[in-house]
């Protein structure tokens, strides 16, 4: 957890907020968002390449890790 108004304590959260602000400018209410709007923002964020992930998307990294875990458990063939 971070302290109020101490955004430097958690840089990842700040980066996520910047992504969200591309769709919802500061000061605008989120109450007008539909479920579809939220899913669209989520999809965009998960498909955005990240330097920290070697310019892969979070979705790609998750999918690879999930497949690897399933293979290690013998649930699927390679």
N, C-alpha and C. Protein backbone atom coordinates (compact mmCIF):
# COMPACT_ATOMS: atom_id res chain seq x y z
N UNK A 1 0.83 -1.19 0.00
CA UNK A 1 0.00 0.00 0.00
C UNK A 1 0.87 1.24 0.00
N UNK A 2 0.33 2.31 -0.53
CA UNK A 2 1.06 3.58 -0.55
C UNK A 2 0.32 4.60 0.31
N UNK A 3 1.02 5.63 0.65
CA UNK A 3 0.42 6.71 1.41
C UNK A 3 -0.31 7.66 0.47
N UNK A 4 -1.36 8.31 0.95
CA UNK A 4 -2.06 9.28 0.10
C UNK A 4 -1.12 10.37 -0.39
N UNK A 5 -1.26 10.73 -1.64
CA UNK A 5 -0.47 11.80 -2.27
C UNK A 5 1.02 11.49 -2.31
N UNK A 6 1.37 10.21 -2.28
CA UNK A 6 2.78 9.80 -2.37
C UNK A 6 2.93 8.86 -3.55
N UNK A 7 2.62 9.35 -4.74
CA UNK A 7 2.59 8.51 -5.94
C UNK A 7 3.93 7.90 -6.27
N UNK A 8 5.03 8.52 -5.83
CA UNK A 8 6.35 7.98 -6.12
C UNK A 8 6.60 6.65 -5.43
N UNK A 9 5.78 6.30 -4.46
CA UNK A 9 5.95 5.04 -3.75
C UNK A 9 5.54 3.84 -4.60
N UNK A 10 4.79 4.08 -5.62
CA UNK A 10 4.29 2.98 -6.45
C UNK A 10 4.18 3.45 -7.90
N UNK A 11 5.30 3.43 -8.61
CA UNK A 11 5.33 3.91 -9.98
C UNK A 11 4.43 3.16 -10.92
N UNK A 12 4.26 1.86 -10.69
CA UNK A 12 3.41 1.05 -11.56
C UNK A 12 1.98 1.57 -11.56
N UNK A 13 1.48 1.92 -10.39
CA UNK A 13 0.12 2.45 -10.31
C UNK A 13 -0.01 3.74 -11.10
N UNK A 14 0.99 4.59 -10.99
CA UNK A 14 0.95 5.85 -11.73
C UNK A 14 0.93 5.61 -13.23
N UNK A 15 1.69 4.65 -13.70
CA UNK A 15 1.69 4.35 -15.13
C UNK A 15 0.34 3.83 -15.58
N UNK A 16 -0.29 2.99 -14.77
CA UNK A 16 -1.61 2.48 -15.11
C UNK A 16 -2.62 3.63 -15.15
N UNK A 17 -2.51 4.55 -14.22
CA UNK A 17 -3.42 5.69 -14.21
C UNK A 17 -3.26 6.53 -15.47
N UNK A 18 -2.02 6.68 -15.94
CA UNK A 18 -1.79 7.44 -17.17
C UNK A 18 -2.49 6.77 -18.35
N UNK A 19 -2.44 5.44 -18.40
CA UNK A 19 -3.12 4.73 -19.47
C UNK A 19 -4.62 4.98 -19.41
N UNK A 20 -5.18 4.89 -18.22
CA UNK A 20 -6.62 5.08 -18.06
C UNK A 20 -7.02 6.51 -18.42
N UNK A 21 -6.17 7.47 -18.08
CA UNK A 21 -6.46 8.88 -18.38
C UNK A 21 -6.50 9.16 -19.88
N UNK A 22 -5.95 8.28 -20.69
CA UNK A 22 -6.08 8.45 -22.14
C UNK A 22 -7.54 8.34 -22.57
N UNK A 23 -8.30 7.58 -21.82
CA UNK A 23 -9.70 7.35 -22.13
C UNK A 23 -10.64 8.19 -21.28
N UNK A 24 -10.23 8.45 -20.03
CA UNK A 24 -11.07 9.18 -19.09
C UNK A 24 -10.24 10.34 -18.53
N UNK A 25 -10.37 11.52 -19.10
CA UNK A 25 -9.59 12.65 -18.60
C UNK A 25 -9.87 12.95 -17.13
N UNK A 26 -8.86 13.44 -16.44
CA UNK A 26 -8.98 13.77 -15.03
C UNK A 26 -10.14 14.75 -14.83
N UNK A 27 -10.93 14.49 -13.82
CA UNK A 27 -12.08 15.33 -13.53
C UNK A 27 -13.38 14.79 -14.11
N UNK A 28 -13.29 13.87 -15.06
CA UNK A 28 -14.49 13.26 -15.63
C UNK A 28 -14.95 12.10 -14.74
N UNK A 29 -16.23 11.91 -14.69
CA UNK A 29 -16.80 10.85 -13.87
C UNK A 29 -16.70 9.50 -14.58
N UNK A 30 -16.40 8.48 -13.80
CA UNK A 30 -16.36 7.13 -14.36
C UNK A 30 -17.73 6.47 -14.30
N UNK A 31 -18.68 7.12 -13.65
CA UNK A 31 -20.00 6.53 -13.48
C UNK A 31 -20.75 6.38 -14.80
N UNK A 32 -20.33 7.12 -15.82
CA UNK A 32 -20.99 7.03 -17.12
C UNK A 32 -20.45 5.90 -17.99
N UNK A 33 -19.39 5.24 -17.53
CA UNK A 33 -18.80 4.16 -18.32
C UNK A 33 -19.69 2.92 -18.30
N UNK A 34 -19.78 2.29 -19.45
CA UNK A 34 -20.49 1.02 -19.53
C UNK A 34 -19.49 -0.12 -19.31
N UNK A 35 -20.01 -1.30 -19.11
CA UNK A 35 -19.15 -2.48 -18.99
C UNK A 35 -18.31 -2.64 -20.26
N UNK A 36 -18.91 -2.36 -21.38
CA UNK A 36 -18.20 -2.47 -22.66
C UNK A 36 -17.04 -1.47 -22.73
N UNK A 37 -17.27 -0.25 -22.25
CA UNK A 37 -16.20 0.75 -22.20
C UNK A 37 -15.03 0.25 -21.35
N UNK A 38 -15.34 -0.29 -20.18
CA UNK A 38 -14.30 -0.79 -19.27
C UNK A 38 -13.53 -1.94 -19.91
N UNK A 39 -14.22 -2.83 -20.57
CA UNK A 39 -13.55 -3.96 -21.23
C UNK A 39 -12.67 -3.48 -22.38
N UNK A 40 -13.11 -2.45 -23.08
CA UNK A 40 -12.31 -1.89 -24.18
C UNK A 40 -11.02 -1.28 -23.64
N UNK A 41 -11.11 -0.56 -22.55
CA UNK A 41 -9.92 0.03 -21.93
C UNK A 41 -8.99 -1.08 -21.43
N UNK A 42 -9.56 -2.08 -20.80
CA UNK A 42 -8.78 -3.22 -20.30
C UNK A 42 -8.05 -3.92 -21.45
N UNK A 43 -8.74 -4.15 -22.53
CA UNK A 43 -8.15 -4.81 -23.69
C UNK A 43 -7.00 -3.99 -24.25
N UNK A 44 -7.21 -2.67 -24.37
CA UNK A 44 -6.16 -1.80 -24.89
C UNK A 44 -4.93 -1.85 -24.00
N UNK A 45 -5.14 -1.81 -22.68
CA UNK A 45 -4.01 -1.83 -21.75
C UNK A 45 -3.26 -3.16 -21.83
N UNK A 46 -3.96 -4.26 -21.98
CA UNK A 46 -3.32 -5.57 -22.06
C UNK A 46 -2.65 -5.83 -23.40
N UNK A 47 -3.00 -5.05 -24.41
CA UNK A 47 -2.40 -5.21 -25.73
C UNK A 47 -1.34 -4.14 -26.03
N UNK A 48 -0.98 -3.36 -25.03
CA UNK A 48 0.01 -2.29 -25.20
C UNK A 48 1.39 -2.83 -24.85
N UNK A 49 2.34 -2.83 -25.80
CA UNK A 49 3.69 -3.36 -25.53
C UNK A 49 4.39 -2.56 -24.42
N UNK A 50 5.12 -3.28 -23.56
CA UNK A 50 5.82 -2.63 -22.45
C UNK A 50 7.31 -2.88 -22.56
N UNK A 51 8.08 -1.84 -22.35
CA UNK A 51 9.53 -1.94 -22.38
C UNK A 51 10.02 -2.97 -21.37
N UNK A 52 9.45 -2.94 -20.16
CA UNK A 52 9.87 -3.84 -19.09
C UNK A 52 9.62 -5.31 -19.44
N UNK A 53 8.74 -5.56 -20.39
CA UNK A 53 8.43 -6.93 -20.82
C UNK A 53 9.13 -7.26 -22.14
N UNK A 54 10.18 -6.52 -22.46
CA UNK A 54 10.88 -6.76 -23.72
C UNK A 54 10.03 -6.39 -24.92
N UNK A 55 9.22 -5.37 -24.76
CA UNK A 55 8.31 -4.87 -25.80
C UNK A 55 7.26 -5.90 -26.21
N UNK A 56 6.98 -6.82 -25.32
CA UNK A 56 5.85 -7.72 -25.49
C UNK A 56 4.65 -7.09 -24.78
N UNK A 57 3.47 -7.58 -25.11
CA UNK A 57 2.29 -7.09 -24.41
C UNK A 57 2.07 -7.94 -23.16
N UNK A 58 1.38 -7.41 -22.15
CA UNK A 58 1.06 -8.22 -20.98
C UNK A 58 0.28 -9.48 -21.37
N UNK A 59 -0.57 -9.35 -22.36
CA UNK A 59 -1.35 -10.50 -22.82
C UNK A 59 -0.44 -11.60 -23.36
N UNK A 60 0.55 -11.22 -24.16
CA UNK A 60 1.49 -12.20 -24.71
C UNK A 60 2.28 -12.89 -23.60
N UNK A 61 2.76 -12.12 -22.64
CA UNK A 61 3.55 -12.68 -21.55
C UNK A 61 2.71 -13.65 -20.72
N UNK A 62 1.48 -13.25 -20.42
CA UNK A 62 0.59 -14.12 -19.65
C UNK A 62 0.30 -15.41 -20.40
N UNK A 63 -0.02 -15.29 -21.68
CA UNK A 63 -0.35 -16.47 -22.48
C UNK A 63 0.82 -17.45 -22.53
N UNK A 64 2.04 -16.94 -22.74
CA UNK A 64 3.22 -17.81 -22.77
C UNK A 64 3.45 -18.49 -21.42
N UNK A 65 3.32 -17.74 -20.34
CA UNK A 65 3.53 -18.31 -19.00
C UNK A 65 2.46 -19.35 -18.69
N UNK A 66 1.23 -19.09 -19.08
CA UNK A 66 0.14 -20.02 -18.83
C UNK A 66 0.36 -21.33 -19.60
N UNK A 67 0.74 -21.21 -20.88
CA UNK A 67 1.00 -22.41 -21.68
C UNK A 67 2.16 -23.21 -21.11
N UNK A 68 3.21 -22.50 -20.68
CA UNK A 68 4.37 -23.18 -20.10
C UNK A 68 3.97 -23.93 -18.83
N UNK A 69 3.19 -23.30 -17.98
CA UNK A 69 2.75 -23.95 -16.74
C UNK A 69 1.91 -25.18 -17.03
N UNK A 70 1.04 -25.09 -18.02
CA UNK A 70 0.21 -26.25 -18.37
C UNK A 70 1.06 -27.38 -18.93
N UNK A 71 2.08 -27.05 -19.73
CA UNK A 71 2.97 -28.07 -20.28
C UNK A 71 3.75 -28.74 -19.16
N UNK A 72 4.22 -27.96 -18.21
CA UNK A 72 4.99 -28.52 -17.09
C UNK A 72 4.14 -29.44 -16.23
N UNK A 73 2.86 -29.18 -16.17
CA UNK A 73 1.95 -30.03 -15.40
C UNK A 73 1.48 -31.23 -16.23
N UNK A 74 1.87 -31.27 -17.49
CA UNK A 74 1.48 -32.37 -18.35
C UNK A 74 0.06 -32.29 -18.83
N UNK A 75 -0.52 -31.10 -18.78
CA UNK A 75 -1.91 -30.95 -19.19
C UNK A 75 -2.07 -30.82 -20.69
N UNK A 76 -1.02 -30.36 -21.36
CA UNK A 76 -1.06 -30.24 -22.81
C UNK A 76 0.28 -30.69 -23.38
N UNK A 77 0.27 -31.05 -24.64
CA UNK A 77 1.53 -31.44 -25.27
C UNK A 77 2.22 -30.21 -25.85
N UNK A 78 3.51 -30.31 -26.03
CA UNK A 78 4.30 -29.18 -26.53
C UNK A 78 4.05 -28.92 -27.95
